[in-house]
Amino acid sequence: MPRIPEDAMDVLFRDARSQNRWLPREVPRETLQELHDLMKWGPTSANCWPQRVVFTVSDEAKERLASIAMPGNQDKIRQAPATAILGYDLAFFDRMDVLFAHNPGMAEMFRNDAELAEVTAFRNATLQGAYFMLAARSLGLDCGPMSGFDNAKCDELFFPGTTVRSNFLCSIGYGDPDGLFGRLPRPEFEDVCRVE
């Protein structure tokens, strides 16, 4: 794989910021589709692909989601062109007959071990959430990832009667630079890494 250009690294990492306020500019459905079509190529273990996404774009859906968020997140959700509820399907293995067809025993392994299935779903969907943000940034969108909401109520409102559970939220759109906080520090390599 070739090294990507420095300006691409800036877009994806160095210059990217978590957004708090949004410009009144719509994100078309076609762009949401393009986002999915890009992020779907990120790897998951055994190609299990547990992530499930609900894009809240209507005023009604945004209000339902904002109603279960912490006060500091409510206006972010209402103002954003779209907020994705990034979830994970505890029964992801039901699709492995297509996604991992060359090894049908893998689906049975997860089906017969609920704890393993839950850990696998959560871990891989969280990883997919990172792919989601990188894909959004590569398409010129800003991201505002957040926790700070009632997961159980979110599941009742947006995933009723399913095996899908909410993980975290990510607003997407075109950020208002006036809403940014100062850049916070990051740890140095020596502070958090070691090579053995």
Protein backbone atom coordinates (compact mmCIF):
# COMPACT_ATOMS: atom_id res chain seq x y z
CA MET A 1 0.00 0.00 0.00
CA PRO A 2 1.37 3.45 -0.83
CA ARG A 3 1.76 6.03 1.90
CA ILE A 4 -1.07 8.57 1.68
CA PRO A 5 -0.17 12.25 1.19
CA GLU A 6 0.44 14.47 4.20
CA ASP A 7 -2.62 16.60 3.44
CA ALA A 8 -4.79 13.48 3.59
CA MET A 9 -3.33 12.70 7.02
CA ASP A 10 -4.23 16.24 8.06
CA VAL A 11 -7.84 15.77 6.96
CA LEU A 12 -8.22 12.44 8.72
CA PHE A 13 -6.26 13.17 11.90
CA ARG A 14 -4.15 16.25 12.54
CA ASP A 15 -6.59 18.98 11.48
CA ALA A 16 -9.80 17.07 12.23
CA ARG A 17 -11.73 18.27 15.25
CA SER A 18 -14.74 17.05 17.22
CA GLN A 19 -17.50 19.47 16.31
CA ASN A 20 -19.92 21.11 18.75
CA ARG A 21 -21.88 23.40 16.43
CA TRP A 22 -23.06 22.96 12.88
CA LEU A 23 -23.64 25.07 9.80
CA PRO A 24 -27.21 24.86 8.37
CA ARG A 25 -26.19 22.69 5.43
CA GLU A 26 -27.90 19.39 4.66
CA VAL A 27 -26.08 16.09 4.20
CA PRO A 28 -27.84 14.41 1.26
CA ARG A 29 -28.92 10.79 1.47
CA GLU A 30 -26.52 10.05 -1.38
CA THR A 31 -23.63 11.20 0.81
CA LEU A 32 -24.81 8.95 3.66
CA GLN A 33 -24.86 6.06 1.17
CA GLU A 34 -21.37 7.00 -0.04
CA LEU A 35 -20.16 7.09 3.57
CA HIS A 36 -21.44 3.56 4.13
CA ASP A 37 -20.02 2.32 0.83
CA LEU A 38 -16.58 3.56 1.87
CA MET A 39 -16.49 2.53 5.52
CA LYS A 40 -17.83 -0.96 4.85
CA TRP A 41 -14.41 -2.07 3.61
CA GLY A 42 -12.79 -1.73 7.05
CA PRO A 43 -11.91 -5.16 8.45
CA THR A 44 -13.81 -6.92 11.23
CA SER A 45 -12.96 -10.27 12.80
CA ALA A 46 -14.30 -13.12 10.67
CA ASN A 47 -15.96 -10.42 8.55
CA CYS A 48 -18.70 -10.44 11.19
CA TRP A 49 -19.87 -6.86 10.40
CA PRO A 50 -22.00 -6.24 13.53
CA GLN A 51 -22.49 -2.50 13.10
CA ARG A 52 -26.02 -1.18 12.54
CA VAL A 53 -26.68 2.52 11.95
CA VAL A 54 -29.70 4.78 12.27
CA PHE A 55 -29.24 8.24 10.76
CA THR A 56 -31.49 10.74 12.54
CA VAL A 57 -32.17 13.51 10.02
CA SER A 58 -35.81 14.48 10.53
CA ASP A 59 -36.76 16.98 13.22
CA GLU A 60 -38.90 14.31 14.87
CA ALA A 61 -36.09 11.74 15.02
CA LYS A 62 -33.58 14.34 16.25
CA GLU A 63 -35.98 15.40 19.01
CA ARG A 64 -36.50 11.79 20.14
CA LEU A 65 -32.74 11.29 20.33
CA ALA A 66 -32.08 14.65 22.00
CA SER A 67 -34.69 13.85 24.65
CA ILE A 68 -32.54 11.00 25.99
CA ALA A 69 -29.20 12.82 25.80
CA MET A 70 -27.37 14.74 28.49
CA PRO A 71 -28.22 18.47 28.45
CA GLY A 72 -24.85 19.36 26.92
CA ASN A 73 -25.49 17.10 23.93
CA GLN A 74 -29.11 17.96 23.18
CA ASP A 75 -28.52 21.05 21.05
CA LYS A 76 -25.67 19.32 19.22
CA ILE A 77 -28.12 16.62 18.12
CA ARG A 78 -30.87 19.08 17.21
CA GLN A 79 -28.55 21.31 15.21
CA ALA A 80 -26.55 18.67 13.34
CA PRO A 81 -27.73 17.80 9.83
CA ALA A 82 -27.52 14.12 10.84
CA THR A 83 -26.64 12.18 13.95
CA ALA A 84 -25.80 8.53 13.51
CA ILE A 85 -26.72 6.08 16.21
CA LEU A 86 -23.93 3.55 15.90
CA GLY A 87 -25.14 0.23 17.21
CA TYR A 88 -24.16 -3.41 17.24
CA ASP A 89 -26.24 -6.49 16.51
CA LEU A 90 -25.91 -9.25 19.09
CA ALA A 91 -27.15 -11.69 16.43
CA PHE A 92 -24.64 -10.57 13.79
CA PHE A 93 -23.84 -14.24 13.17
CA ASP A 94 -27.19 -14.67 11.40
CA ARG A 95 -25.59 -13.00 8.35
CA MET A 96 -22.33 -14.90 8.44
CA ASP A 97 -23.65 -17.50 6.02
CA VAL A 98 -23.10 -14.78 3.40
CA LEU A 99 -20.36 -12.70 5.00
CA PHE A 100 -18.16 -15.66 6.00
CA ALA A 101 -19.62 -18.40 3.80
CA HIS A 102 -16.39 -20.38 3.45
CA ASN A 103 -16.51 -21.33 7.17
CA PRO A 104 -20.09 -22.03 8.29
CA GLY A 105 -18.90 -23.33 11.66
CA MET A 106 -17.89 -19.81 12.67
CA ALA A 107 -21.52 -18.67 12.87
CA GLU A 108 -22.39 -21.64 15.05
CA MET A 109 -19.52 -20.86 17.40
CA PHE A 110 -20.99 -17.40 18.06
CA ARG A 111 -24.57 -18.65 18.13
CA ASN A 112 -23.65 -21.11 20.89
CA ASP A 113 -21.67 -18.65 23.03
CA ALA A 114 -23.66 -15.50 23.88
CA GLU A 115 -20.82 -13.96 25.88
CA LEU A 116 -18.35 -14.37 23.02
CA ALA A 117 -20.91 -13.01 20.57
CA GLU A 118 -21.54 -9.91 22.68
CA VAL A 119 -17.85 -9.14 23.17
CA THR A 120 -17.20 -9.68 19.46
CA ALA A 121 -20.15 -7.51 18.41
CA PHE A 122 -19.23 -4.64 20.72
CA ARG A 123 -15.52 -4.68 19.89
CA ASN A 124 -15.96 -4.87 16.15
CA ALA A 125 -18.78 -2.34 15.94
CA THR A 126 -16.68 0.10 17.97
CA LEU A 127 -13.89 -0.43 15.47
CA GLN A 128 -16.40 0.18 12.70
CA GLY A 129 -17.37 3.42 14.41
CA ALA A 130 -13.80 4.61 13.89
CA TYR A 131 -14.00 3.60 10.22
CA PHE A 132 -17.27 5.55 10.04
CA MET A 133 -15.59 8.75 11.25
CA LEU A 134 -12.58 8.36 8.96
CA ALA A 135 -14.87 7.72 5.99
CA ALA A 136 -16.97 10.78 6.87
CA ARG A 137 -13.87 12.96 7.14
CA SER A 138 -12.54 11.65 3.84
CA LEU A 139 -15.81 12.78 2.21
CA GLY A 140 -15.41 16.32 3.56
CA LEU A 141 -17.77 15.88 6.50
CA ASP A 142 -17.05 16.89 10.07
CA CYS A 143 -17.79 14.60 13.00
CA GLY A 144 -19.06 15.11 16.51
CA PRO A 145 -18.80 11.76 18.33
CA MET A 146 -20.45 11.54 21.73
CA SER A 147 -21.49 9.36 24.59
CA GLY A 148 -23.71 11.08 27.14
CA PHE A 149 -27.08 9.52 26.35
CA ASP A 150 -29.28 6.81 27.83
CA ASN A 151 -28.41 3.66 25.90
CA ALA A 152 -31.34 1.63 27.22
CA LYS A 153 -33.86 4.30 26.23
CA CYS A 154 -32.14 4.70 22.87
CA ASP A 155 -32.56 0.99 22.25
CA GLU A 156 -36.25 1.21 23.16
CA LEU A 157 -36.83 4.17 20.83
CA PHE A 158 -34.72 3.18 17.82
CA PHE A 159 -34.14 -0.59 18.01
CA PRO A 160 -37.32 -1.96 19.63
CA GLY A 161 -37.84 -5.70 19.45
CA THR A 162 -34.42 -6.30 17.88
CA THR A 163 -31.06 -7.67 18.95
CA VAL A 164 -29.37 -4.33 18.20
CA ARG A 165 -27.88 -2.27 21.02
CA SER A 166 -26.64 1.31 20.81
CA ASN A 167 -22.95 2.00 21.27
CA PHE A 168 -22.28 5.71 20.69
CA LEU A 169 -23.51 8.66 18.65
CA CYS A 170 -21.76 10.62 15.93
CA SER A 171 -23.16 13.80 14.49
CA ILE A 172 -22.01 14.54 10.96
CA GLY A 173 -22.25 17.55 8.72
CA TYR A 174 -20.34 20.76 8.21
CA GLY A 175 -18.95 22.12 11.44
CA ASP A 176 -19.14 25.74 12.55
CA PRO A 177 -15.55 26.69 13.42
CA ASP A 178 -16.84 29.18 15.99
CA GLY A 179 -18.02 26.22 18.08
CA LEU A 180 -14.61 24.62 18.48
CA PHE A 181 -12.77 24.48 21.77
CA GLY A 182 -9.01 24.93 21.98
CA ARG A 183 -7.00 21.91 20.86
CA LEU A 184 -6.39 19.60 23.82
CA PRO A 185 -3.05 17.85 24.36
CA ARG A 186 -2.33 14.27 23.36
CA PRO A 187 0.15 11.94 25.07
CA GLU A 188 3.60 11.40 23.62
CA PHE A 189 4.73 7.99 22.39
CA GLU A 190 6.90 7.43 25.47
CA ASP A 191 3.96 8.15 27.79
CA VAL A 192 1.66 5.44 26.53
CA CYS A 193 3.65 3.03 24.34
CA ARG A 194 6.49 0.59 24.74
CA VAL A 195 8.29 -1.65 22.30
CA GLU A 196 9.36 -5.10 23.53
